[in-house]
Protein backbone atom coordinates (compact mmCIF):
# COMPACT_ATOMS: atom_id res chain seq x y z
CA MET A 1 -0.09 0.13 -0.15
CA GLN A 2 1.13 3.47 -0.90
CA PHE A 3 -0.14 6.60 0.66
CA LYS A 4 -2.07 8.44 -2.06
CA ALA A 5 -4.25 11.58 0.13
CA LEU A 6 -5.54 12.59 3.81
CA ILE A 7 -8.77 13.39 3.26
CA LEU A 8 -9.60 14.12 7.16
CA ASP A 9 -7.13 15.50 9.79
CA GLY A 10 -8.19 15.49 13.30
CA LYS A 11 -9.65 18.70 13.21
CA SER A 12 -12.16 17.95 10.02
CA MET A 13 -13.35 14.63 11.83
CA ALA A 14 -14.34 16.50 14.87
CA ARG A 15 -16.05 19.06 12.70
CA SER A 16 -17.60 15.87 10.96
CA ILE A 17 -19.24 13.98 13.90
CA THR A 18 -20.27 17.59 15.40
CA ARG A 19 -22.49 17.81 12.12
CA ILE A 20 -23.73 14.20 12.47
CA ALA A 21 -24.60 14.95 16.05
CA HIS A 22 -26.59 17.79 14.96
CA GLU A 23 -28.11 16.23 11.90
CA ILE A 24 -29.02 13.04 14.48
CA ILE A 25 -30.93 15.19 17.10
CA GLU A 26 -32.69 17.46 14.16
CA HIS A 27 -33.93 14.45 12.22
CA ASN A 28 -35.02 12.33 15.49
CA LYS A 29 -36.86 15.59 16.87
CA GLY A 30 -34.70 15.31 20.15
CA VAL A 31 -32.68 12.10 21.64
CA ASP A 32 -35.36 10.59 23.53
CA ASP A 33 -35.44 6.60 22.56
CA VAL A 34 -32.68 7.35 20.54
CA VAL A 35 -29.58 4.33 20.83
CA ILE A 36 -26.35 4.86 19.15
CA VAL A 37 -24.86 1.28 17.96
CA GLY A 38 -21.19 1.18 17.35
CA ILE A 39 -20.17 -1.79 14.73
CA HIS A 40 -17.09 -3.30 16.01
CA SER A 41 -14.25 -2.20 15.83
CA ARG A 42 -13.91 1.56 14.56
CA GLY A 43 -17.73 1.91 14.85
CA VAL A 44 -17.65 1.62 18.78
CA PRO A 45 -15.21 4.90 19.43
CA LEU A 46 -17.04 7.04 16.73
CA ALA A 47 -20.53 5.98 18.32
CA SER A 48 -19.13 7.22 21.94
CA ARG A 49 -18.17 10.15 20.22
CA ILE A 50 -21.18 11.01 18.47
CA ALA A 51 -23.23 10.31 21.96
CA ASP A 52 -20.69 12.44 23.68
CA LYS A 53 -21.19 15.41 21.04
CA ILE A 54 -24.99 14.96 21.23
CA ASN A 55 -25.09 14.89 25.17
CA GLU A 56 -22.84 18.14 25.12
CA ILE A 57 -25.06 19.91 22.51
CA GLU A 58 -28.92 18.40 24.41
CA GLY A 59 -27.73 18.31 27.68
CA LYS A 60 -29.05 15.03 27.83
CA THR A 61 -27.13 11.23 27.92
CA VAL A 62 -27.81 9.31 25.23
CA GLU A 63 -27.32 5.10 25.56
CA VAL A 64 -24.56 3.82 23.86
CA ALA A 65 -24.25 0.18 22.37
CA THR A 66 -21.77 -2.14 20.91
CA LEU A 67 -22.49 -4.52 18.03
CA ASP A 68 -20.62 -7.96 17.37
CA ILE A 69 -21.74 -9.08 13.53
CA THR A 70 -18.85 -11.73 12.91
CA ASP A 71 -21.35 -14.33 12.86
CA TYR A 72 -23.61 -12.24 10.58
CA ARG A 73 -21.12 -11.61 7.85
CA ASP A 74 -20.78 -13.04 4.36
CA ASP A 75 -17.37 -12.52 3.43
CA ILE A 76 -15.78 -14.37 5.84
CA SER A 77 -15.10 -18.37 6.44
CA ASP A 78 -16.75 -20.22 9.45
CA GLU A 79 -13.26 -21.07 10.65
CA GLU A 80 -12.40 -17.10 10.22
CA LYS A 81 -15.49 -16.54 12.08
CA ALA A 82 -14.67 -19.12 15.12
CA GLU A 83 -11.14 -17.44 15.64
CA LYS A 84 -12.90 -14.09 15.83
CA ARG A 85 -16.10 -15.49 17.77
CA GLY A 86 -15.46 -13.87 21.38
CA LEU A 87 -13.19 -11.43 20.25
CA PHE A 88 -15.85 -8.16 20.64
CA GLU A 89 -19.27 -7.80 22.60
CA SER A 90 -22.55 -6.94 21.40
CA SER A 91 -23.81 -5.01 24.87
CA LEU A 92 -26.89 -4.27 22.54
CA LYS A 93 -28.19 -7.82 23.34
CA SER A 94 -28.86 -6.66 26.64
CA LEU A 95 -31.13 -4.02 25.74
CA ASP A 96 -35.17 -3.68 25.23
CA ILE A 97 -34.88 -2.21 21.61
CA LYS A 98 -38.22 -2.69 21.24
CA HIS A 99 -39.35 1.37 20.40
CA LYS A 100 -36.09 2.59 20.11
CA GLN A 101 -34.59 4.55 17.48
CA ILE A 102 -31.29 2.50 16.40
CA ILE A 103 -28.37 4.78 15.24
CA LEU A 104 -25.86 1.98 13.43
CA VAL A 105 -21.98 3.62 13.45
CA ASP A 106 -19.76 2.62 11.24
CA ASP A 107 -16.16 4.04 9.95
CA VAL A 108 -16.17 3.72 6.42
CA LEU A 109 -19.47 2.59 4.02
CA TYR A 110 -18.26 0.84 0.78
CA THR A 111 -20.16 -3.01 -0.34
CA GLY A 112 -22.78 -2.25 2.46
CA ARG A 113 -21.88 -5.91 3.59
CA THR A 114 -21.16 -4.44 6.73
CA VAL A 115 -24.41 -2.72 7.36
CA ARG A 116 -26.43 -5.81 5.76
CA ALA A 117 -24.75 -8.05 8.65
CA ALA A 118 -25.38 -5.38 11.62
CA LEU A 119 -29.03 -5.47 9.88
CA ASP A 120 -29.37 -8.78 10.50
CA ALA A 121 -27.72 -8.78 13.80
CA VAL A 122 -30.19 -6.07 15.25
CA MET A 123 -33.21 -7.70 13.91
CA ASP A 124 -32.27 -10.86 15.85
CA ILE A 125 -32.24 -8.94 18.98
CA GLY A 126 -35.15 -7.24 18.39
CA ARG A 127 -37.27 -5.32 16.41
CA PRO A 128 -36.35 -1.51 17.10
CA LYS A 129 -39.17 1.40 15.73
CA VAL A 130 -36.37 2.45 13.17
CA ILE A 131 -32.77 1.68 12.09
CA GLN A 132 -30.76 4.60 10.94
CA LEU A 133 -27.24 4.51 9.55
CA ALA A 134 -24.07 7.04 10.39
CA VAL A 135 -20.78 6.78 8.26
CA LEU A 136 -17.96 8.69 9.26
CA VAL A 137 -16.81 8.03 5.61
CA ASP A 138 -18.82 6.88 2.02
CA ARG A 139 -16.90 5.67 -0.45
CA GLY A 140 -18.91 4.64 -3.05
CA HIS A 141 -19.10 0.98 -5.17
CA ARG A 142 -22.02 -0.23 -3.41
CA GLU A 143 -22.95 -4.17 -3.81
CA LEU A 144 -26.56 -3.96 -1.87
CA PRO A 145 -29.04 -1.49 -1.81
CA ILE A 146 -27.68 0.53 1.36
CA ARG A 147 -27.98 4.28 1.99
CA PRO A 148 -26.61 6.35 5.07
CA ASP A 149 -28.99 8.26 6.44
CA TYR A 150 -25.60 10.35 8.07
CA VAL A 151 -22.68 11.24 6.68
CA GLY A 152 -19.33 12.74 7.52
CA LYS A 153 -17.70 12.75 4.14
CA ASN A 154 -18.51 11.35 0.89
CA VAL A 155 -15.02 10.47 -0.82
CA PRO A 156 -15.39 9.09 -4.45
CA THR A 157 -12.73 6.47 -4.74
CA SER A 158 -11.29 3.68 -7.44
CA SER A 159 -12.04 -0.02 -6.17
CA LYS A 160 -8.23 -0.25 -6.32
CA GLU A 161 -8.07 2.22 -3.06
CA ILE A 162 -7.95 1.75 0.10
CA VAL A 163 -9.81 4.28 2.27
CA LYS A 164 -8.26 3.82 6.15
CA LEU A 165 -9.75 5.33 9.48
CA HIS A 166 -7.26 5.82 11.94
CA LEU A 167 -8.56 7.26 15.78
CA LYS A 168 -6.88 7.69 18.38
CA GLU A 169 -8.44 5.44 20.95
CA VAL A 170 -7.04 2.49 18.89
CA ASP A 171 -4.09 4.24 16.61
CA GLY A 172 -2.75 7.05 18.39
CA THR A 173 -4.14 10.17 15.98
CA ASP A 174 -7.20 10.99 14.20
CA GLU A 175 -7.18 10.63 10.39
CA VAL A 176 -8.86 9.19 7.22
CA VAL A 177 -6.03 7.97 4.65
CA ILE A 178 -6.43 6.73 1.34
CA TYR A 179 -3.84 4.63 0.16
CA SER A 180 -3.45 2.91 -3.53
CA GLU A 181 -2.78 -0.84 -3.88
């Protein structure tokens, strides 16, 4: 992989997260019954950041949960699923999601397969009032009819490019970078 471009730096990411938080509040007419759900792995810290920003704006604590989609993925073998099983936690399982507005949070939206797996996982837990999708980066190239409700940045890419999100909590820095193969 070869570095191609810096798409978002830390300040740009923070502005995008603030905008997403405002849009979630506006679209849902507040945050009553909203649950922010981070898809493992990088969706989890993003979900926490969005929830923190909503709390800062609204003065209300919004519930945050995590979702492990390992068993629902169609792009890895059963052996790989077995290896990954148990690495992440799905705290959403412990919540009653009936009548809740679920906001799924992921880092980069590409083919839509991760989101499809997340939708299946949520529906196995229960039937929420609504499920919405927030992503920091939408890079296109959908293989499934999935559309985000909230987007930090749309980044047209080639299918030969790789978009990587780095987060302070995981990587020590906040940035979104494009690499070419």
